[in-house]
Amino acid sequence: MNIFKRSTFVFILLGLASFAAAAQDNAPASTVGHWRLNVEKSDYGTTAKPKSARMTITADSTASLKWRAIVTDADGKRQTYYYSGAEDGQQHPVTGNNPWKSAAFTRGDSGVTSESVVMKDGTTLNIDISLSADGNTMTAKDSSGGPTEVWERVKAPRAKAQ
């Protein structure tokens, strides 16, 4: 089985931005910015862990979710993911060098976003994504019992005092 079919790190890429606005008490929260997968905090079970993953989210609203991601798998192979679409529960294309065909996002009232991914081979993944209370950690869990990923916001470096 292809590591990217079952690995959660790919599906969270799509869902990170979409769920945040519905997160804490339905108060708007933005995931716009840079994110890095914490491989050590993530649980891949018997699936090989990726070496690294990073994502940049440039738009985060129900009308427009846009992100791009780069993942380096356990064998050092680099994959790219690009997504631009509404959070309307409808499938929208995922482009780049990756095994995904499309993804759909639905924000839930409980602060959890549901993501449905259709792979190029026709299989599907269903993921539940949640945001921490401080807005700096996202967790994505494969609802079929697959991997759980932990993503952390990358804070901008502070300017040096002169």
C-alpha atoms as a PDB file:
ATOM      1  CA  MET A   1       0.000   0.000   0.000  1.00  0.00           C
ATOM      2  CA  ASN A   2       1.312   3.426  -0.898  1.00  0.00           C
ATOM      3  CA  ILE A   3       2.453   5.317   2.195  1.00  0.00           C
ATOM      4  CA  PHE A   4       0.625   8.426   0.991  1.00  0.00           C
ATOM      5  CA  LYS A   5      -2.724   6.657   0.697  1.00  0.00           C
ATOM      6  CA  ARG A   6      -3.023   6.010   4.407  1.00  0.00           C
ATOM      7  CA  SER A   7      -0.811   8.695   5.842  1.00  0.00           C
ATOM      8  CA  THR A   8      -2.630  11.474   7.582  1.00  0.00           C
ATOM      9  CA  PHE A   9       0.009  14.113   6.876  1.00  0.00           C
ATOM     10  CA  VAL A  10      -1.368  14.609   3.429  1.00  0.00           C
ATOM     11  CA  PHE A  11      -4.995  14.960   4.393  1.00  0.00           C
ATOM     12  CA  ILE A  12      -4.401  17.476   7.096  1.00  0.00           C
ATOM     13  CA  LEU A  13      -2.740  19.727   4.576  1.00  0.00           C
ATOM     14  CA  LEU A  14      -6.103  20.304   3.023  1.00  0.00           C
ATOM     15  CA  GLY A  15      -8.067  20.577   6.194  1.00  0.00           C
ATOM     16  CA  LEU A  16      -5.940  22.788   8.354  1.00  0.00           C
ATOM     17  CA  ALA A  17      -7.257  26.060   7.120  1.00  0.00           C
ATOM     18  CA  SER A  18     -10.836  24.971   6.787  1.00  0.00           C
ATOM     19  CA  PHE A  19     -11.559  23.959  10.327  1.00  0.00           C
ATOM     20  CA  ALA A  20      -9.944  26.767  12.254  1.00  0.00           C
ATOM     21  CA  ALA A  21     -12.657  29.341  11.786  1.00  0.00           C
ATOM     22  CA  ALA A  22     -15.143  27.004  13.401  1.00  0.00           C
ATOM     23  CA  ALA A  23     -12.797  26.033  16.196  1.00  0.00           C
ATOM     24  CA  GLN A  24     -12.975  27.673  19.584  1.00  0.00           C
ATOM     25  CA  ASP A  25     -16.603  28.385  20.513  1.00  0.00           C
ATOM     26  CA  ASN A  26     -17.319  29.124  16.843  1.00  0.00           C
ATOM     27  CA  ALA A  27     -15.237  32.294  17.100  1.00  0.00           C
ATOM     28  CA  PRO A  28     -13.394  33.109  13.890  1.00  0.00           C
ATOM     29  CA  ALA A  29      -9.802  31.895  14.002  1.00  0.00           C
ATOM     30  CA  SER A  30      -7.429  31.993  11.086  1.00  0.00           C
ATOM     31  CA  THR A  31      -4.912  29.364  10.121  1.00  0.00           C
ATOM     32  CA  VAL A  32      -3.295  31.664   7.563  1.00  0.00           C
ATOM     33  CA  GLY A  33       0.462  31.351   7.918  1.00  0.00           C
ATOM     34  CA  HIS A  34       3.137  28.665   8.001  1.00  0.00           C
ATOM     35  CA  TRP A  35       2.769  25.203   9.564  1.00  0.00           C
ATOM     36  CA  ARG A  36       5.176  22.324  10.172  1.00  0.00           C
ATOM     37  CA  LEU A  37       4.350  18.675  10.833  1.00  0.00           C
ATOM     38  CA  ASN A  38       5.686  17.481  14.198  1.00  0.00           C
ATOM     39  CA  VAL A  39       6.665  13.974  13.130  1.00  0.00           C
ATOM     40  CA  GLU A  40       7.626  12.886  16.662  1.00  0.00           C
ATOM     41  CA  LYS A  41       4.301  13.903  18.218  1.00  0.00           C
ATOM     42  CA  SER A  42       2.328  12.305  15.380  1.00  0.00           C
ATOM     43  CA  ASP A  43       1.227   8.657  15.547  1.00  0.00           C
ATOM     44  CA  TYR A  44       1.680   6.665  12.347  1.00  0.00           C
ATOM     45  CA  GLY A  45       1.341   3.208  13.884  1.00  0.00           C
ATOM     46  CA  THR A  46       3.022   0.747  11.525  1.00  0.00           C
ATOM     47  CA  THR A  47       3.031   3.203   8.595  1.00  0.00           C
ATOM     48  CA  ALA A  48       6.433   4.735   7.801  1.00  0.00           C
ATOM     49  CA  LYS A  49       6.753   8.310   9.060  1.00  0.00           C
ATOM     50  CA  PRO A  50       7.500  11.087   6.610  1.00  0.00           C
ATOM     51  CA  LYS A  51      10.822  12.872   7.055  1.00  0.00           C
ATOM     52  CA  SER A  52       9.154  16.287   7.020  1.00  0.00           C
ATOM     53  CA  ALA A  53       6.179  18.314   5.852  1.00  0.00           C
ATOM     54  CA  ARG A  54       5.416  22.011   5.729  1.00  0.00           C
ATOM     55  CA  MET A  55       2.447  24.007   4.565  1.00  0.00           C
ATOM     56  CA  THR A  56       1.578  27.607   3.813  1.00  0.00           C
ATOM     57  CA  ILE A  57      -2.053  28.688   4.062  1.00  0.00           C
ATOM     58  CA  THR A  58      -2.850  31.911   2.217  1.00  0.00           C
ATOM     59  CA  ALA A  59      -6.664  32.079   2.531  1.00  0.00           C
ATOM     60  CA  ASP A  60      -8.955  30.746   5.256  1.00  0.00           C
ATOM     61  CA  SER A  61     -12.690  31.326   4.911  1.00  0.00           C
ATOM     62  CA  THR A  62     -15.725  29.283   3.914  1.00  0.00           C
ATOM     63  CA  ALA A  63     -15.693  31.070   0.542  1.00  0.00           C
ATOM     64  CA  SER A  64     -11.979  30.544  -0.125  1.00  0.00           C
ATOM     65  CA  LEU A  65      -9.450  28.081   1.250  1.00  0.00           C
ATOM     66  CA  LYS A  66      -5.992  28.165  -0.385  1.00  0.00           C
ATOM     67  CA  TRP A  67      -2.845  26.324   0.613  1.00  0.00           C
ATOM     68  CA  ARG A  68       0.300  24.705  -0.710  1.00  0.00           C
ATOM     69  CA  ALA A  69       2.392  21.990   0.906  1.00  0.00           C
ATOM     70  CA  ILE A  70       5.623  20.073   0.468  1.00  0.00           C
ATOM     71  CA  VAL A  71       6.031  16.609   1.981  1.00  0.00           C
ATOM     72  CA  THR A  72       9.208  14.522   2.058  1.00  0.00           C
ATOM     73  CA  ASP A  73       8.336  10.863   2.620  1.00  0.00           C
ATOM     74  CA  ALA A  74      10.341   8.237   4.528  1.00  0.00           C
ATOM     75  CA  ASP A  75      12.305   7.426   1.358  1.00  0.00           C
ATOM     76  CA  GLY A  76      13.165  11.077   0.676  1.00  0.00           C
ATOM     77  CA  LYS A  77      10.658  11.484  -2.178  1.00  0.00           C
ATOM     78  CA  ARG A  78       9.226  14.996  -2.377  1.00  0.00           C
ATOM     79  CA  GLN A  79       5.538  15.570  -3.090  1.00  0.00           C
ATOM     80  CA  THR A  80       3.729  18.846  -3.678  1.00  0.00           C
ATOM     81  CA  TYR A  81       0.076  19.676  -2.990  1.00  0.00           C
ATOM     82  CA  TYR A  82      -1.924  22.708  -4.093  1.00  0.00           C
ATOM     83  CA  TYR A  83      -5.532  23.410  -3.144  1.00  0.00           C
ATOM     84  CA  SER A  84      -7.903  26.278  -3.876  1.00  0.00           C
ATOM     85  CA  GLY A  85     -11.638  25.958  -3.300  1.00  0.00           C
ATOM     86  CA  ALA A  86     -14.617  26.794  -1.145  1.00  0.00           C
ATOM     87  CA  GLU A  87     -15.390  24.954   2.093  1.00  0.00           C
ATOM     88  CA  ASP A  88     -18.727  23.807   0.760  1.00  0.00           C
ATOM     89  CA  GLY A  89     -18.602  20.023   1.148  1.00  0.00           C
ATOM     90  CA  GLN A  90     -18.003  19.629  -2.602  1.00  0.00           C
ATOM     91  CA  GLN A  91     -14.910  17.995  -4.099  1.00  0.00           C
ATOM     92  CA  HIS A  92     -12.326  20.474  -5.467  1.00  0.00           C
ATOM     93  CA  PRO A  93      -9.123  19.489  -7.316  1.00  0.00           C
ATOM     94  CA  VAL A  94      -5.806  18.936  -5.551  1.00  0.00           C
ATOM     95  CA  THR A  95      -2.932  19.523  -7.957  1.00  0.00           C
ATOM     96  CA  GLY A  96       0.790  18.865  -7.828  1.00  0.00           C
ATOM     97  CA  ASN A  97       2.953  15.760  -7.652  1.00  0.00           C
ATOM     98  CA  ASN A  98       0.833  13.679  -5.237  1.00  0.00           C
ATOM     99  CA  PRO A  99      -1.678  10.785  -5.101  1.00  0.00           C
ATOM    100  CA  TRP A 100      -4.759  12.955  -4.426  1.00  0.00           C
ATOM    101  CA  LYS A 101      -7.424  13.752  -6.987  1.00  0.00           C
ATOM    102  CA  SER A 102      -9.682  16.048  -4.947  1.00  0.00           C
ATOM    103  CA  ALA A 103     -10.832  17.030  -1.470  1.00  0.00           C
ATOM    104  CA  ALA A 104     -13.976  18.396   0.174  1.00  0.00           C
ATOM    105  CA  PHE A 105     -14.172  20.267   3.481  1.00  0.00           C
ATOM    106  CA  THR A 106     -17.089  20.855   5.803  1.00  0.00           C
ATOM    107  CA  ARG A 107     -16.843  22.986   8.953  1.00  0.00           C
ATOM    108  CA  GLY A 108     -18.730  21.531  11.881  1.00  0.00           C
ATOM    109  CA  ASP A 109     -20.513  23.362  14.676  1.00  0.00           C
ATOM    110  CA  SER A 110     -18.397  21.551  17.271  1.00  0.00           C
ATOM    111  CA  GLY A 111     -15.142  23.087  16.030  1.00  0.00           C
ATOM    112  CA  VAL A 112     -14.138  19.983  14.075  1.00  0.00           C
ATOM    113  CA  THR A 113     -13.737  20.115  10.312  1.00  0.00           C
ATOM    114  CA  SER A 114     -14.485  17.012   8.255  1.00  0.00           C
ATOM    115  CA  GLU A 115     -12.393  16.352   5.197  1.00  0.00           C
ATOM    116  CA  SER A 116     -13.077  13.812   2.467  1.00  0.00           C
ATOM    117  CA  VAL A 117     -10.228  13.028   0.079  1.00  0.00           C
ATOM    118  CA  VAL A 118     -10.589  11.109  -3.184  1.00  0.00           C
ATOM    119  CA  MET A 119      -7.337   9.515  -4.277  1.00  0.00           C
ATOM    120  CA  LYS A 120      -6.330   9.142  -7.928  1.00  0.00           C
ATOM    121  CA  ASP A 121      -6.902   5.376  -7.612  1.00  0.00           C
ATOM    122  CA  GLY A 122     -10.510   5.991  -6.481  1.00  0.00           C
ATOM    123  CA  THR A 123     -10.087   5.178  -2.781  1.00  0.00           C
ATOM    124  CA  THR A 124     -11.171   7.716  -0.155  1.00  0.00           C
ATOM    125  CA  LEU A 125      -9.906   9.048   3.146  1.00  0.00           C
ATOM    126  CA  ASN A 126     -12.078  10.678   5.810  1.00  0.00           C
ATOM    127  CA  ILE A 127     -10.357  12.912   8.328  1.00  0.00           C
ATOM    128  CA  ASP A 128     -11.445  14.880  11.391  1.00  0.00           C
ATOM    129  CA  ILE A 129      -9.384  18.005  12.086  1.00  0.00           C
ATOM    130  CA  SER A 130      -9.333  20.038  15.307  1.00  0.00           C
ATOM    131  CA  LEU A 131      -7.473  23.117  16.542  1.00  0.00           C
ATOM    132  CA  SER A 132      -5.975  23.624  20.000  1.00  0.00           C
ATOM    133  CA  ALA A 133      -7.377  26.327  22.305  1.00  0.00           C
ATOM    134  CA  ASP A 134      -4.350  28.573  21.659  1.00  0.00           C
ATOM    135  CA  GLY A 135      -4.670  28.183  17.862  1.00  0.00           C
ATOM    136  CA  ASN A 136      -1.113  26.933  17.445  1.00  0.00           C
ATOM    137  CA  THR A 137      -1.608  23.160  17.085  1.00  0.00           C
ATOM    138  CA  MET A 138      -3.811  21.237  14.675  1.00  0.00           C
ATOM    139  CA  THR A 139      -4.554  17.548  14.998  1.00  0.00           C
ATOM    140  CA  ALA A 140      -5.814  15.407  12.117  1.00  0.00           C
ATOM    141  CA  LYS A 141      -7.180  11.924  12.718  1.00  0.00           C
ATOM    142  CA  ASP A 142      -8.034   9.389  10.054  1.00  0.00           C
ATOM    143  CA  SER A 143     -11.564   8.330  11.012  1.00  0.00           C
ATOM    144  CA  SER A 144     -10.893   4.754   9.846  1.00  0.00           C
ATOM    145  CA  GLY A 145      -8.315   4.313  12.609  1.00  0.00           C
ATOM    146  CA  GLY A 146      -5.268   5.320  10.565  1.00  0.00           C
ATOM    147  CA  PRO A 147      -2.554   7.796  11.533  1.00  0.00           C
ATOM    148  CA  THR A 148      -2.981  10.896  13.674  1.00  0.00           C
ATOM    149  CA  GLU A 149      -0.886  13.935  12.771  1.00  0.00           C
ATOM    150  CA  VAL A 150       0.136  16.911  14.865  1.00  0.00           C
ATOM    151  CA  TRP A 151       0.870  20.195  13.063  1.00  0.00           C
ATOM    152  CA  GLU A 152       2.388  23.238  14.751  1.00  0.00           C
ATOM    153  CA  ARG A 153       2.227  26.851  13.694  1.00  0.00           C
ATOM    154  CA  VAL A 154       5.605  28.305  12.759  1.00  0.00           C
ATOM    155  CA  LYS A 155       5.974  31.608  14.508  1.00  0.00           C
ATOM    156  CA  ALA A 156       7.643  34.463  12.670  1.00  0.00           C
ATOM    157  CA  PRO A 157      11.098  35.257  14.023  1.00  0.00           C
ATOM    158  CA  ARG A 158      11.293  38.323  16.221  1.00  0.00           C
ATOM    159  CA  ALA A 159      13.253  41.286  15.001  1.00  0.00           C
ATOM    160  CA  LYS A 160      16.556  41.745  16.764  1.00  0.00           C
ATOM    161  CA  ALA A 161      16.767  44.697  19.121  1.00  0.00           C
ATOM    162  CA  GLN A 162      19.254  47.311  18.028  1.00  0.00           C
END
